[in-house]
Amino acid sequence: MKVRVETIADLNETEIVVRCPERDEEVERVVSALGFFEKAVMARKDGRTFRIPPADIYYFEAVDDKTYVCLRKDVCETTMRLYEIESLFRGSTFLRVNRNTIVDAAKIRSFKSALNGRMEARLENGEAIEISRAYVSALKLMLGGRGK
């Protein structure tokens, strides 16, 4: 695959064109990855509504029938449910790691083993997230390791 960037001063917005002999799996992955940057989550804090881009999100957590969007140093509430978030970010670096949490695997700095096959992930912002054993293999596969 070739990648070429052309700088055109009089363009109003960035345009990406994918040229291919056929629309295969590789092309679909590229298109899906590019679409990731257009997605955003609407969340509220202090009576204001914000559009939060995925790159700013560290994890989502469901507590007491509410879903929170956790950022580097802030937390907002969203009306989305975890299953909707999973669907929105399918094919991206967001992955469910326990019953109540979806984390951006790209924001994980380190791991440590915990009891009963669980793990603890330390995020770039210093927070620790528990990964239940049911989700450990999927996370290892996503990060390029072996599942079991």
C-alpha atoms as a PDB file:
ATOM      1  CA  MET A   1       0.000   0.000   0.000  1.00  0.00           C
ATOM      2  CA  LYS A   2       1.279   3.461  -0.888  1.00  0.00           C
ATOM      3  CA  VAL A   3       0.503   6.549   1.164  1.00  0.00           C
ATOM      4  CA  ARG A   4       0.880   9.984  -0.368  1.00  0.00           C
ATOM      5  CA  VAL A   5       0.142  13.340   1.270  1.00  0.00           C
ATOM      6  CA  GLU A   6      -0.476  16.404  -0.876  1.00  0.00           C
ATOM      7  CA  THR A   7      -0.578  19.846   0.729  1.00  0.00           C
ATOM      8  CA  ILE A   8      -3.017  22.144  -1.066  1.00  0.00           C
ATOM      9  CA  ALA A   9      -3.221  25.609   0.497  1.00  0.00           C
ATOM     10  CA  ASP A  10      -6.648  26.628  -0.826  1.00  0.00           C
ATOM     11  CA  LEU A  11      -8.580  23.588   0.487  1.00  0.00           C
ATOM     12  CA  ASN A  12     -11.256  24.287   3.101  1.00  0.00           C
ATOM     13  CA  GLU A  13     -11.083  20.861   4.735  1.00  0.00           C
ATOM     14  CA  THR A  14      -8.950  17.731   4.665  1.00  0.00           C
ATOM     15  CA  GLU A  15     -10.040  15.147   2.099  1.00  0.00           C
ATOM     16  CA  ILE A  16      -8.904  11.531   2.020  1.00  0.00           C
ATOM     17  CA  VAL A  17      -9.333   9.451  -1.141  1.00  0.00           C
ATOM     18  CA  VAL A  18      -8.614   5.715  -1.140  1.00  0.00           C
ATOM     19  CA  ARG A  19      -7.782   4.285  -4.587  1.00  0.00           C
ATOM     20  CA  CYS A  20      -7.820   0.513  -4.855  1.00  0.00           C
ATOM     21  CA  PRO A  21      -8.267  -2.231  -7.471  1.00  0.00           C
ATOM     22  CA  GLU A  22     -10.941  -3.840  -5.255  1.00  0.00           C
ATOM     23  CA  ARG A  23     -12.552  -3.202  -1.887  1.00  0.00           C
ATOM     24  CA  ASP A  24     -10.901  -5.936   0.177  1.00  0.00           C
ATOM     25  CA  GLU A  25     -10.321  -6.495   3.908  1.00  0.00           C
ATOM     26  CA  GLU A  26      -7.291  -4.195   4.005  1.00  0.00           C
ATOM     27  CA  VAL A  27      -9.266  -1.340   2.439  1.00  0.00           C
ATOM     28  CA  GLU A  28     -12.140  -1.909   4.876  1.00  0.00           C
ATOM     29  CA  ARG A  29      -9.713  -1.683   7.829  1.00  0.00           C
ATOM     30  CA  VAL A  30      -8.310   1.605   6.502  1.00  0.00           C
ATOM     31  CA  VAL A  31     -11.789   3.076   5.976  1.00  0.00           C
ATOM     32  CA  SER A  32     -12.881   1.905   9.429  1.00  0.00           C
ATOM     33  CA  ALA A  33      -9.788   3.421  11.050  1.00  0.00           C
ATOM     34  CA  LEU A  34     -10.381   6.741   9.289  1.00  0.00           C
ATOM     35  CA  GLY A  35     -14.020   6.759  10.372  1.00  0.00           C
ATOM     36  CA  PHE A  36     -12.871   6.441  13.988  1.00  0.00           C
ATOM     37  CA  PHE A  37     -11.719  10.075  13.954  1.00  0.00           C
ATOM     38  CA  GLU A  38     -15.181  11.326  12.975  1.00  0.00           C
ATOM     39  CA  LYS A  39     -16.896   9.599  15.896  1.00  0.00           C
ATOM     40  CA  ALA A  40     -17.527  11.465  19.103  1.00  0.00           C
ATOM     41  CA  VAL A  41     -19.408  10.955  22.349  1.00  0.00           C
ATOM     42  CA  MET A  42     -21.824  13.527  23.702  1.00  0.00           C
ATOM     43  CA  ALA A  43     -21.422  13.951  27.460  1.00  0.00           C
ATOM     44  CA  ARG A  44     -22.592  16.330  30.178  1.00  0.00           C
ATOM     45  CA  LYS A  45     -20.911  18.046  33.080  1.00  0.00           C
ATOM     46  CA  ASP A  46     -22.147  20.938  35.229  1.00  0.00           C
ATOM     47  CA  GLY A  47     -25.223  21.453  33.037  1.00  0.00           C
ATOM     48  CA  ARG A  48     -23.189  21.786  29.840  1.00  0.00           C
ATOM     49  CA  THR A  49     -23.018  19.292  26.962  1.00  0.00           C
ATOM     50  CA  PHE A  50     -19.691  18.485  25.325  1.00  0.00           C
ATOM     51  CA  ARG A  51     -18.687  16.629  22.155  1.00  0.00           C
ATOM     52  CA  ILE A  52     -15.743  14.456  23.195  1.00  0.00           C
ATOM     53  CA  PRO A  53     -13.463  12.995  20.500  1.00  0.00           C
ATOM     54  CA  PRO A  54     -12.298   9.386  21.029  1.00  0.00           C
ATOM     55  CA  ALA A  55      -8.643  10.438  21.318  1.00  0.00           C
ATOM     56  CA  ASP A  56      -9.461  12.250  24.594  1.00  0.00           C
ATOM     57  CA  ILE A  57     -11.253   9.288  26.195  1.00  0.00           C
ATOM     58  CA  TYR A  58      -9.398   6.927  28.533  1.00  0.00           C
ATOM     59  CA  TYR A  59     -12.318   4.698  29.508  1.00  0.00           C
ATOM     60  CA  PHE A  60     -16.070   4.420  30.012  1.00  0.00           C
ATOM     61  CA  GLU A  61     -17.496   3.149  33.277  1.00  0.00           C
ATOM     62  CA  ALA A  62     -21.057   2.199  34.236  1.00  0.00           C
ATOM     63  CA  VAL A  63     -21.984   2.819  37.883  1.00  0.00           C
ATOM     64  CA  ASP A  64     -25.508   2.805  39.368  1.00  0.00           C
ATOM     65  CA  ASP A  65     -27.327   2.948  35.998  1.00  0.00           C
ATOM     66  CA  LYS A  66     -25.176   5.862  34.800  1.00  0.00           C
ATOM     67  CA  THR A  67     -22.349   5.783  32.271  1.00  0.00           C
ATOM     68  CA  TYR A  68     -19.315   7.980  32.762  1.00  0.00           C
ATOM     69  CA  VAL A  69     -16.715   9.106  30.222  1.00  0.00           C
ATOM     70  CA  CYS A  70     -13.332   9.273  31.933  1.00  0.00           C
ATOM     71  CA  LEU A  71     -10.784  11.652  30.449  1.00  0.00           C
ATOM     72  CA  ARG A  72      -7.203  12.410  31.462  1.00  0.00           C
ATOM     73  CA  LYS A  73      -8.199  14.618  34.407  1.00  0.00           C
ATOM     74  CA  ASP A  74     -11.975  14.897  34.164  1.00  0.00           C
ATOM     75  CA  VAL A  75     -15.162  12.819  34.226  1.00  0.00           C
ATOM     76  CA  CYS A  76     -18.419  13.513  32.353  1.00  0.00           C
ATOM     77  CA  GLU A  77     -21.712  11.627  32.143  1.00  0.00           C
ATOM     78  CA  THR A  78     -23.175  10.242  28.920  1.00  0.00           C
ATOM     79  CA  THR A  79     -26.618   8.842  28.146  1.00  0.00           C
ATOM     80  CA  MET A  80     -25.076   6.032  26.083  1.00  0.00           C
ATOM     81  CA  ARG A  81     -25.032   2.479  27.442  1.00  0.00           C
ATOM     82  CA  LEU A  82     -21.899   0.336  27.338  1.00  0.00           C
ATOM     83  CA  TYR A  83     -23.304  -1.920  24.599  1.00  0.00           C
ATOM     84  CA  GLU A  84     -23.920   1.179  22.433  1.00  0.00           C
ATOM     85  CA  ILE A  85     -20.368   2.368  23.064  1.00  0.00           C
ATOM     86  CA  GLU A  86     -19.006  -1.077  22.138  1.00  0.00           C
ATOM     87  CA  SER A  87     -20.977  -0.957  18.903  1.00  0.00           C
ATOM     88  CA  LEU A  88     -19.881   2.609  18.084  1.00  0.00           C
ATOM     89  CA  PHE A  89     -16.199   1.816  18.592  1.00  0.00           C
ATOM     90  CA  ARG A  90     -16.153  -1.750  17.210  1.00  0.00           C
ATOM     91  CA  GLY A  91     -12.894  -2.344  15.339  1.00  0.00           C
ATOM     92  CA  SER A  92     -11.052   0.386  17.254  1.00  0.00           C
ATOM     93  CA  THR A  93      -8.752   0.249  20.290  1.00  0.00           C
ATOM     94  CA  PHE A  94     -11.693   0.434  22.718  1.00  0.00           C
ATOM     95  CA  LEU A  95     -12.336  -2.898  24.442  1.00  0.00           C
ATOM     96  CA  ARG A  96     -14.509  -4.101  27.299  1.00  0.00           C
ATOM     97  CA  VAL A  97     -12.293  -5.242  30.182  1.00  0.00           C
ATOM     98  CA  ASN A  98     -14.926  -6.046  32.801  1.00  0.00           C
ATOM     99  CA  ARG A  99     -18.686  -5.969  33.207  1.00  0.00           C
ATOM    100  CA  ASN A 100     -18.737  -2.222  33.871  1.00  0.00           C
ATOM    101  CA  THR A 101     -15.760  -0.845  31.938  1.00  0.00           C
ATOM    102  CA  ILE A 102     -14.617  -0.230  28.358  1.00  0.00           C
ATOM    103  CA  VAL A 103     -11.031   1.013  28.096  1.00  0.00           C
ATOM    104  CA  ASP A 104      -8.960   2.487  25.268  1.00  0.00           C
ATOM    105  CA  ALA A 105      -6.182  -0.109  25.009  1.00  0.00           C
ATOM    106  CA  ALA A 106      -3.938   2.514  23.406  1.00  0.00           C
ATOM    107  CA  LYS A 107      -3.949   4.390  26.737  1.00  0.00           C
ATOM    108  CA  ILE A 108      -2.655   1.410  28.769  1.00  0.00           C
ATOM    109  CA  ARG A 109       0.870   2.003  30.066  1.00  0.00           C
ATOM    110  CA  SER A 110       1.476  -1.232  32.003  1.00  0.00           C
ATOM    111  CA  PHE A 111      -0.049  -4.467  33.320  1.00  0.00           C
ATOM    112  CA  LYS A 112       0.295  -6.473  36.471  1.00  0.00           C
ATOM    113  CA  SER A 113      -1.148  -9.854  37.364  1.00  0.00           C
ATOM    114  CA  ALA A 114      -3.804  -9.997  40.067  1.00  0.00           C
ATOM    115  CA  LEU A 115      -5.556 -12.845  41.881  1.00  0.00           C
ATOM    116  CA  ASN A 116      -7.690 -15.488  40.133  1.00  0.00           C
ATOM    117  CA  GLY A 117      -6.419 -14.834  36.595  1.00  0.00           C
ATOM    118  CA  ARG A 118      -7.327 -11.161  36.633  1.00  0.00           C
ATOM    119  CA  MET A 119      -4.986  -8.329  35.694  1.00  0.00           C
ATOM    120  CA  GLU A 120      -4.597  -4.695  36.592  1.00  0.00           C
ATOM    121  CA  ALA A 121      -3.924  -2.167  33.847  1.00  0.00           C
ATOM    122  CA  ARG A 122      -2.271   1.149  34.675  1.00  0.00           C
ATOM    123  CA  LEU A 123      -3.351   3.908  32.292  1.00  0.00           C
ATOM    124  CA  GLU A 124      -1.277   6.851  31.050  1.00  0.00           C
ATOM    125  CA  ASN A 125      -3.101   9.139  33.500  1.00  0.00           C
ATOM    126  CA  GLY A 126      -2.074   6.917  36.435  1.00  0.00           C
ATOM    127  CA  GLU A 127      -5.467   5.298  37.053  1.00  0.00           C
ATOM    128  CA  ALA A 128      -5.687   1.542  37.635  1.00  0.00           C
ATOM    129  CA  ILE A 129      -8.377  -0.541  35.890  1.00  0.00           C
ATOM    130  CA  GLU A 130      -9.207  -4.137  36.796  1.00  0.00           C
ATOM    131  CA  ILE A 131      -9.356  -6.552  33.862  1.00  0.00           C
ATOM    132  CA  SER A 132     -11.490  -9.572  34.700  1.00  0.00           C
ATOM    133  CA  ARG A 133     -10.220 -12.954  33.551  1.00  0.00           C
ATOM    134  CA  ALA A 134     -13.007 -13.322  30.966  1.00  0.00           C
ATOM    135  CA  TYR A 135     -11.542 -10.358  29.037  1.00  0.00           C
ATOM    136  CA  VAL A 136      -7.784 -10.911  29.524  1.00  0.00           C
ATOM    137  CA  SER A 137      -7.361 -13.036  26.352  1.00  0.00           C
ATOM    138  CA  ALA A 138      -9.150 -10.524  24.109  1.00  0.00           C
ATOM    139  CA  LEU A 139      -6.976  -7.704  25.428  1.00  0.00           C
ATOM    140  CA  LYS A 140      -3.788  -9.717  24.901  1.00  0.00           C
ATOM    141  CA  LEU A 141      -4.848 -10.501  21.329  1.00  0.00           C
ATOM    142  CA  MET A 142      -5.592  -6.841  20.630  1.00  0.00           C
ATOM    143  CA  LEU A 143      -2.177  -5.828  21.934  1.00  0.00           C
ATOM    144  CA  GLY A 144      -0.436  -8.388  19.738  1.00  0.00           C
ATOM    145  CA  GLY A 145       0.240 -11.068  22.314  1.00  0.00           C
ATOM    146  CA  ARG A 146      -1.078 -14.586  22.547  1.00  0.00           C
ATOM    147  CA  GLY A 147      -4.592 -15.042  23.822  1.00  0.00           C
ATOM    148  CA  LYS A 148      -4.043 -17.654  26.512  1.00  0.00           C
END
